[in-house]
Amino acid sequence: LEYLTGCKPIYIEGEFRESRKDIFGLV
């Protein structure tokens, strides 16, 4: 995604495990 957009994803919303949404612990 960073290659495509130039932005680093750090958090993902959605219906899956809470422990996985904050990808790098930055939030």
Full PDB file with SEQRES, HELIX, SHEET, SSBOND, CRYST1, ORIGX, SCALE, CONECT and MASTER records, all heavy atoms in Angstrom:
SEQRES   1 A   27  LEU GLU TYR LEU THR GLY CYS LYS PRO ILE TYR ILE GLU          
SEQRES   2 A   27  GLY GLU PHE ARG GLU SER ARG LYS ASP ILE PHE GLY LEU          
SEQRES   3 A   27  VAL                                                          
HELIX    1 AA1 GLU A    2  THR A    5  1                                   4    
HELIX    2 AA2 GLU A   18  ARG A   20  5                                   3    
CRYST1    1.000    1.000    1.000  90.00  90.00  90.00 P 1           1          
ORIGX1      1.000000  0.000000  0.000000        0.00000                         
ORIGX2      0.000000  1.000000  0.000000        0.00000                         
ORIGX3      0.000000  0.000000  1.000000        0.00000                         
SCALE1      1.000000  0.000000  0.000000        0.00000                         
SCALE2      0.000000  1.000000  0.000000        0.00000                         
SCALE3      0.000000  0.000000  1.000000        0.00000                         
ATOM      1  N   LEU A   1       0.826  -1.211   0.000  1.00  0.00           N  
ATOM      2  CA  LEU A   1       0.000   0.000   0.000  1.00  0.00           C  
ATOM      3  C   LEU A   1       0.859   1.260   0.000  1.00  0.00           C  
ATOM      4  O   LEU A   1       0.505   2.257  -0.630  1.00  0.00           O  
ATOM      5  CB  LEU A   1      -0.936  -0.012   1.203  1.00  0.00           C  
ATOM      6  CG  LEU A   1      -2.085  -1.012   1.141  1.00  0.00           C  
ATOM      7  CD1 LEU A   1      -3.010  -0.847   2.340  1.00  0.00           C  
ATOM      8  CD2 LEU A   1      -2.892  -0.857  -0.152  1.00  0.00           C  
ATOM      9  N   GLU A   2       1.991   1.215   0.704  1.00  0.00           N  
ATOM     10  CA  GLU A   2       2.876   2.374   0.682  1.00  0.00           C  
ATOM     11  C   GLU A   2       3.453   2.564  -0.723  1.00  0.00           C  
ATOM     12  O   GLU A   2       3.596   3.699  -1.201  1.00  0.00           O  
ATOM     13  CB  GLU A   2       4.006   2.213   1.692  1.00  0.00           C  
ATOM     14  CG  GLU A   2       4.877   3.467   1.777  1.00  0.00           C  
ATOM     15  CD  GLU A   2       6.054   3.321   2.716  1.00  0.00           C  
ATOM     16  OE1 GLU A   2       6.747   2.289   2.651  1.00  0.00           O  
ATOM     17  OE2 GLU A   2       6.292   4.256   3.511  1.00  0.00           O  
ATOM     18  N   TYR A   3       3.766   1.465  -1.390  1.00  0.00           N  
ATOM     19  CA  TYR A   3       4.278   1.544  -2.760  1.00  0.00           C  
ATOM     20  C   TYR A   3       3.238   2.181  -3.690  1.00  0.00           C  
ATOM     21  O   TYR A   3       3.575   2.993  -4.560  1.00  0.00           O  
ATOM     22  CB  TYR A   3       4.631   0.140  -3.253  1.00  0.00           C  
ATOM     23  CG  TYR A   3       4.987   0.063  -4.715  1.00  0.00           C  
ATOM     24  CD1 TYR A   3       6.244   0.459  -5.172  1.00  0.00           C  
ATOM     25  CD2 TYR A   3       4.059  -0.400  -5.647  1.00  0.00           C  
ATOM     26  CE1 TYR A   3       6.564   0.400  -6.522  1.00  0.00           C  
ATOM     27  CE2 TYR A   3       4.374  -0.464  -6.996  1.00  0.00           C  
ATOM     28  CZ  TYR A   3       5.621  -0.064  -7.429  1.00  0.00           C  
ATOM     29  OH  TYR A   3       5.925  -0.126  -8.763  1.00  0.00           O  
ATOM     30  N   LEU A   4       1.971   1.835  -3.501  1.00  0.00           N  
ATOM     31  CA  LEU A   4       0.905   2.349  -4.356  1.00  0.00           C  
ATOM     32  C   LEU A   4       0.557   3.805  -4.066  1.00  0.00           C  
ATOM     33  O   LEU A   4       0.269   4.580  -4.984  1.00  0.00           O  
ATOM     34  CB  LEU A   4      -0.358   1.497  -4.188  1.00  0.00           C  
ATOM     35  CG  LEU A   4      -0.389   0.122  -4.832  1.00  0.00           C  
ATOM     36  CD1 LEU A   4      -1.673  -0.603  -4.455  1.00  0.00           C  
ATOM     37  CD2 LEU A   4      -0.282   0.235  -6.357  1.00  0.00           C  
ATOM     38  N   THR A   5       0.557   4.170  -2.781  1.00  0.00           N  
ATOM     39  CA  THR A   5       0.006   5.468  -2.381  1.00  0.00           C  
ATOM     40  C   THR A   5       1.026   6.443  -1.810  1.00  0.00           C  
ATOM     41  O   THR A   5       0.735   7.640  -1.721  1.00  0.00           O  
ATOM     42  CB  THR A   5      -1.084   5.264  -1.309  1.00  0.00           C  
ATOM     43  OG1 THR A   5      -0.485   4.762  -0.100  1.00  0.00           O  
ATOM     44  CG2 THR A   5      -2.143   4.267  -1.796  1.00  0.00           C  
ATOM     45  N   GLY A   6       2.172   5.945  -1.374  1.00  0.00           N  
ATOM     46  CA  GLY A   6       3.140   6.802  -0.706  1.00  0.00           C  
ATOM     47  C   GLY A   6       2.831   7.009   0.763  1.00  0.00           C  
ATOM     48  O   GLY A   6       3.553   7.725   1.465  1.00  0.00           O  
ATOM     49  N   CYS A   7       1.753   6.376   1.242  1.00  0.00           N  
ATOM     50  CA  CYS A   7       1.341   6.527   2.647  1.00  0.00           C  
ATOM     51  C   CYS A   7       1.512   5.209   3.389  1.00  0.00           C  
ATOM     52  O   CYS A   7       1.235   4.134   2.853  1.00  0.00           O  
ATOM     53  CB  CYS A   7      -0.118   6.969   2.728  1.00  0.00           C  
ATOM     54  SG  CYS A   7      -0.440   8.572   1.960  1.00  0.00           S  
ATOM     55  N   LYS A   8       1.926   5.298   4.630  1.00  0.00           N  
ATOM     56  CA  LYS A   8       2.100   4.119   5.469  1.00  0.00           C  
ATOM     57  C   LYS A   8       0.806   3.848   6.233  1.00  0.00           C  
ATOM     58  O   LYS A   8       0.367   4.670   7.031  1.00  0.00           O  
ATOM     59  CB  LYS A   8       3.241   4.343   6.463  1.00  0.00           C  
ATOM     60  CG  LYS A   8       3.415   3.235   7.495  1.00  0.00           C  
ATOM     61  CD  LYS A   8       4.522   3.580   8.469  1.00  0.00           C  
ATOM     62  CE  LYS A   8       4.648   2.531   9.570  1.00  0.00           C  
ATOM     63  NZ  LYS A   8       5.745   2.870  10.523  1.00  0.00           N  
ATOM     64  N   PRO A   9       0.170   2.715   6.005  1.00  0.00           N  
ATOM     65  CA  PRO A   9      -1.045   2.392   6.767  1.00  0.00           C  
ATOM     66  C   PRO A   9      -0.681   2.053   8.211  1.00  0.00           C  
ATOM     67  O   PRO A   9       0.287   1.331   8.459  1.00  0.00           O  
ATOM     68  CB  PRO A   9      -1.612   1.178   6.035  1.00  0.00           C  
ATOM     69  CG  PRO A   9      -0.430   0.538   5.396  1.00  0.00           C  
ATOM     70  CD  PRO A   9       0.504   1.658   5.033  1.00  0.00           C  
ATOM     71  N   ILE A  10      -1.448   2.579   9.156  1.00  0.00           N  
ATOM     72  CA  ILE A  10      -1.139   2.307  10.563  1.00  0.00           C  
ATOM     73  C   ILE A  10      -2.325   1.718  11.331  1.00  0.00           C  
ATOM     74  O   ILE A  10      -2.136   1.139  12.404  1.00  0.00           O  
ATOM     75  CB  ILE A  10      -0.640   3.574  11.293  1.00  0.00           C  
ATOM     76  CG1 ILE A  10      -1.725   4.659  11.284  1.00  0.00           C  
ATOM     77  CG2 ILE A  10       0.655   4.076  10.680  1.00  0.00           C  
ATOM     78  CD1 ILE A  10      -1.368   5.866  12.137  1.00  0.00           C  
ATOM     79  N   TYR A  11      -3.533   1.852  10.782  1.00  0.00           N  
ATOM     80  CA  TYR A  11      -4.715   1.360  11.497  1.00  0.00           C  
ATOM     81  C   TYR A  11      -5.751   0.912  10.465  1.00  0.00           C  
ATOM     82  O   TYR A  11      -5.965   1.577   9.459  1.00  0.00           O  
ATOM     83  CB  TYR A  11      -5.311   2.460  12.380  1.00  0.00           C  
ATOM     84  CG  TYR A  11      -6.330   1.964  13.387  1.00  0.00           C  
ATOM     85  CD1 TYR A  11      -5.924   1.525  14.644  1.00  0.00           C  
ATOM     86  CD2 TYR A  11      -7.684   1.927  13.085  1.00  0.00           C  
ATOM     87  CE1 TYR A  11      -6.848   1.070  15.576  1.00  0.00           C  
ATOM     88  CE2 TYR A  11      -8.613   1.458  14.003  1.00  0.00           C  
ATOM     89  CZ  TYR A  11      -8.188   1.041  15.252  1.00  0.00           C  
ATOM     90  OH  TYR A  11      -9.102   0.571  16.162  1.00  0.00           O  
ATOM     91  N   ILE A  12      -6.388  -0.222  10.730  1.00  0.00           N  
ATOM     92  CA  ILE A  12      -7.378  -0.774   9.815  1.00  0.00           C  
ATOM     93  C   ILE A  12      -8.704  -0.943  10.543  1.00  0.00           C  
ATOM     94  O   ILE A  12      -8.763  -1.607  11.578  1.00  0.00           O  
ATOM     95  CB  ILE A  12      -6.932  -2.145   9.261  1.00  0.00           C  
ATOM     96  CG1 ILE A  12      -5.555  -2.051   8.602  1.00  0.00           C  
ATOM     97  CG2 ILE A  12      -7.958  -2.670   8.253  1.00  0.00           C  
ATOM     98  CD1 ILE A  12      -4.999  -3.388   8.166  1.00  0.00           C  
ATOM     99  N   GLU A  13      -9.748  -0.340  10.009  1.00  0.00           N  
ATOM    100  CA  GLU A  13     -11.080  -0.547  10.558  1.00  0.00           C  
ATOM    101  C   GLU A  13     -11.685  -1.795   9.911  1.00  0.00           C  
ATOM    102  O   GLU A  13     -11.373  -2.136   8.779  1.00  0.00           O  
ATOM    103  CB  GLU A  13     -11.975   0.654  10.262  1.00  0.00           C  
ATOM    104  CG  GLU A  13     -11.619   1.904  11.042  1.00  0.00           C  
ATOM    105  CD  GLU A  13     -12.072   1.838  12.488  1.00  0.00           C  
ATOM    106  OE1 GLU A  13     -12.666   0.810  12.876  1.00  0.00           O  
ATOM    107  OE2 GLU A  13     -11.833   2.810  13.226  1.00  0.00           O  
ATOM    108  N   GLY A  14     -12.558  -2.473  10.642  1.00  0.00           N  
ATOM    109  CA  GLY A  14     -13.210  -3.629  10.067  1.00  0.00           C  
ATOM    110  C   GLY A  14     -13.676  -4.604  11.125  1.00  0.00           C  
ATOM    111  O   GLY A  14     -13.432  -4.416  12.322  1.00  0.00           O  
ATOM    112  N   GLU A  15     -14.339  -5.641  10.676  1.00  0.00           N  
ATOM    113  CA  GLU A  15     -14.866  -6.656  11.582  1.00  0.00           C  
ATOM    114  C   GLU A  15     -13.882  -7.809  11.694  1.00  0.00           C  
ATOM    115  O   GLU A  15     -14.044  -8.862  11.086  1.00  0.00           O  
ATOM    116  CB  GLU A  15     -16.232  -7.143  11.090  1.00  0.00           C  
ATOM    117  CG  GLU A  15     -17.291  -6.057  11.082  1.00  0.00           C  
ATOM    118  CD  GLU A  15     -18.638  -6.569  10.612  1.00  0.00           C  
ATOM    119  OE1 GLU A  15     -18.751  -7.786  10.350  1.00  0.00           O  
ATOM    120  OE2 GLU A  15     -19.569  -5.754  10.509  1.00  0.00           O  
ATOM    121  N   PHE A  16     -12.818  -7.583  12.433  1.00  0.00           N  
ATOM    122  CA  PHE A  16     -11.846  -8.621  12.718  1.00  0.00           C  
ATOM    123  C   PHE A  16     -11.199  -8.312  14.062  1.00  0.00           C  
ATOM    124  O   PHE A  16     -11.551  -7.327  14.716  1.00  0.00           O  
ATOM    125  CB  PHE A  16     -10.812  -8.756  11.591  1.00  0.00           C  
ATOM    126  CG  PHE A  16      -9.984  -7.519  11.333  1.00  0.00           C  
ATOM    127  CD1 PHE A  16      -8.678  -7.442  11.781  1.00  0.00           C  
ATOM    128  CD2 PHE A  16     -10.510  -6.446  10.631  1.00  0.00           C  
ATOM    129  CE1 PHE A  16      -7.906  -6.322  11.546  1.00  0.00           C  
ATOM    130  CE2 PHE A  16      -9.749  -5.315  10.386  1.00  0.00           C  
ATOM    131  CZ  PHE A  16      -8.439  -5.250  10.846  1.00  0.00           C  
ATOM    132  N   ARG A  17     -10.272  -9.138  14.502  1.00  0.00           N  
ATOM    133  CA  ARG A  17      -9.751  -9.048  15.866  1.00  0.00           C  
ATOM    134  C   ARG A  17      -9.192  -7.658  16.187  1.00  0.00           C  
ATOM    135  O   ARG A  17      -8.397  -7.099  15.429  1.00  0.00           O  
ATOM    136  CB  ARG A  17      -8.657 -10.092  16.078  1.00  0.00           C  
ATOM    137  CG  ARG A  17      -9.149 -11.527  15.890  1.00  0.00           C  
ATOM    138  CD  ARG A  17      -8.079 -12.533  16.250  1.00  0.00           C  
ATOM    139  NE  ARG A  17      -8.453 -13.875  15.818  1.00  0.00           N  
ATOM    140  CZ  ARG A  17      -7.773 -14.977  16.094  1.00  0.00           C  
ATOM    141  NH1 ARG A  17      -6.675 -14.898  16.833  1.00  0.00           N  
ATOM    142  NH2 ARG A  17      -8.167 -16.160  15.654  1.00  0.00           N  
ATOM    143  N   GLU A  18      -9.601  -7.119  17.340  1.00  0.00           N  
ATOM    144  CA  GLU A  18      -9.164  -5.783  17.750  1.00  0.00           C  
ATOM    145  C   GLU A  18      -7.647  -5.692  17.839  1.00  0.00           C  
ATOM    146  O   GLU A  18      -7.051  -4.656  17.554  1.00  0.00           O  
ATOM    147  CB  GLU A  18      -9.786  -5.428  19.105  1.00  0.00           C  
ATOM    148  CG  GLU A  18     -11.270  -5.120  19.050  1.00  0.00           C  
ATOM    149  CD  GLU A  18     -11.581  -3.852  18.267  1.00  0.00           C  
ATOM    150  OE1 GLU A  18     -10.767  -2.907  18.323  1.00  0.00           O  
ATOM    151  OE2 GLU A  18     -12.623  -3.814  17.590  1.00  0.00           O  
ATOM    152  N   SER A  19      -7.006  -6.785  18.262  1.00  0.00           N  
ATOM    153  CA  SER A  19      -5.560  -6.778  18.457  1.00  0.00           C  
ATOM    154  C   SER A  19      -4.791  -6.587  17.155  1.00  0.00           C  
ATOM    155  O   SER A  19      -3.579  -6.351  17.176  1.00  0.00           O  
ATOM    156  CB  SER A  19      -5.120  -8.096  19.112  1.00  0.00           C  
ATOM    157  OG  SER A  19      -5.435  -9.206  18.283  1.00  0.00           O  
ATOM    158  N   ARG A  20      -5.482  -6.656  16.025  1.00  0.00           N  
ATOM    159  CA  ARG A  20      -4.806  -6.559  14.734  1.00  0.00           C  
ATOM    160  C   ARG A  20      -4.990  -5.210  14.043  1.00  0.00           C  
ATOM    161  O   ARG A  20      -4.307  -4.929  13.065  1.00  0.00           O  
ATOM    162  CB  ARG A  20      -5.317  -7.669  13.809  1.00  0.00           C  
ATOM    163  CG  ARG A  20      -5.052  -9.052  14.360  1.00  0.00           C  
ATOM    164  CD  ARG A  20      -5.621 -10.115  13.462  1.00  0.00           C  
ATOM    165  NE  ARG A  20      -5.312 -11.449  13.955  1.00  0.00           N  
ATOM    166  CZ  ARG A  20      -5.674 -12.574  13.367  1.00  0.00           C  
ATOM    167  NH1 ARG A  20      -6.393 -12.525  12.262  1.00  0.00           N  
ATOM    168  NH2 ARG A  20      -5.344 -13.741  13.872  1.00  0.00           N  
ATOM    169  N   LYS A  21      -5.902  -4.408  14.535  1.00  0.00           N  
ATOM    170  CA  LYS A  21      -6.237  -3.171  13.835  1.00  0.00           C  
ATOM    171  C   LYS A  21      -5.122  -2.123  13.918  1.00  0.00           C  
ATOM    172  O   LYS A  21      -4.826  -1.455  12.938  1.00  0.00           O  
ATOM    173  CB  LYS A  21      -7.553  -2.613  14.378  1.00  0.00           C  
ATOM    174  CG  LYS A  21      -8.735  -3.527  14.124  1.00  0.00           C  
ATOM    175  CD  LYS A  21     -10.038  -2.958  14.652  1.00  0.00           C  
ATOM    176  CE  LYS A  21     -11.210  -3.891  14.346  1.00  0.00           C  
ATOM    177  NZ  LYS A  21     -12.499  -3.350  14.817  1.00  0.00           N  
ATOM    178  N   ASP A  22      -4.525  -1.974  15.091  1.00  0.00           N  
ATOM    179  CA  ASP A  22      -3.416  -1.042  15.283  1.00  0.00           C  
ATOM    180  C   ASP A  22      -2.144  -1.768  14.847  1.00  0.00           C  
ATOM    181  O   ASP A  22      -1.476  -2.422  15.644  1.00  0.00           O  
ATOM    182  CB  ASP A  22      -3.347  -0.624  16.751  1.00  0.00           C  
ATOM    183  CG  ASP A  22      -2.344   0.484  17.010  1.00  0.00           C  
ATOM    184  OD1 ASP A  22      -1.689   0.936  16.053  1.00  0.00           O  
ATOM    185  OD2 ASP A  22      -2.205   0.879  18.186  1.00  0.00           O  
ATOM    186  N   ILE A  23      -1.792  -1.657  13.570  1.00  0.00           N  
ATOM    187  CA  ILE A  23      -0.780  -2.529  12.969  1.00  0.00           C  
ATOM    188  C   ILE A  23       0.557  -2.458  13.688  1.00  0.00           C  
ATOM    189  O   ILE A  23       1.151  -3.492  14.024  1.00  0.00           O  
ATOM    190  CB  ILE A  23      -0.578  -2.171  11.483  1.00  0.00           C  
ATOM    191  CG1 ILE A  23      -1.899  -2.232  10.727  1.00  0.00           C  
ATOM    192  CG2 ILE A  23       0.438  -3.122  10.847  1.00  0.00           C  
ATOM    193  CD1 ILE A  23      -1.794  -1.730   9.286  1.00  0.00           C  
ATOM    194  N   PHE A  24       1.047  -1.248  13.932  1.00  0.00           N  
ATOM    195  CA  PHE A  24       2.384  -1.075  14.500  1.00  0.00           C  
ATOM    196  C   PHE A  24       2.369  -0.480  15.901  1.00  0.00           C  
ATOM    197  O   PHE A  24       3.401  -0.025  16.394  1.00  0.00           O  
ATOM    198  CB  PHE A  24       3.231  -0.192  13.573  1.00  0.00           C  
ATOM    199  CG  PHE A  24       3.315  -0.716  12.164  1.00  0.00           C  
ATOM    200  CD1 PHE A  24       2.721  -0.016  11.121  1.00  0.00           C  
ATOM    201  CD2 PHE A  24       3.982  -1.890  11.868  1.00  0.00           C  
ATOM    202  CE1 PHE A  24       2.799  -0.479   9.810  1.00  0.00           C  
ATOM    203  CE2 PHE A  24       4.060  -2.374  10.573  1.00  0.00           C  
ATOM    204  CZ  PHE A  24       3.465  -1.665   9.543  1.00  0.00           C  
ATOM    205  N   GLY A  25       1.214  -0.461  16.548  1.00  0.00           N  
ATOM    206  CA  GLY A  25       1.132   0.096  17.897  1.00  0.00           C  
ATOM    207  C   GLY A  25       1.311   1.597  17.945  1.00  0.00           C  
ATOM    208  O   GLY A  25       1.664   2.145  18.989  1.00  0.00           O  
ATOM    209  N   LEU A  26       1.039   2.277  16.833  1.00  0.00           N  
ATOM    210  CA  LEU A  26       1.251   3.720  16.769  1.00  0.00           C  
ATOM    211  C   LEU A  26       0.019   4.510  17.191  1.00  0.00           C  
ATOM    212  O   LEU A  26       0.106   5.720  17.413  1.00  0.00           O  
ATOM    213  CB  LEU A  26       1.649   4.129  15.346  1.00  0.00           C  
ATOM    214  CG  LEU A  26       2.964   3.526  14.830  1.00  0.00           C  
ATOM    215  CD1 LEU A  26       3.184   3.926  13.376  1.00  0.00           C  
ATOM    216  CD2 LEU A  26       4.132   3.971  15.696  1.00  0.00           C  
ATOM    217  N   VAL A  27      -1.122   3.848  17.298  1.00  0.00           N  
ATOM    218  CA  VAL A  27      -2.363   4.526  17.691  1.00  0.00           C  
ATOM    219  C   VAL A  27      -2.639   4.325  19.172  1.00  0.00           C  
ATOM    220  O   VAL A  27      -2.847   5.293  19.917  1.00  0.00           O  
ATOM    221  CB  VAL A  27      -3.547   4.011  16.843  1.00  0.00           C  
ATOM    222  CG1 VAL A  27      -4.853   4.662  17.303  1.00  0.00           C  
ATOM    223  CG2 VAL A  27      -3.308   4.291  15.363  1.00  0.00           C  
TER     224      VAL A  27                                                      
MASTER        0    0    0    2    0    0    0    6  223    1    0    3          
END                                                                             
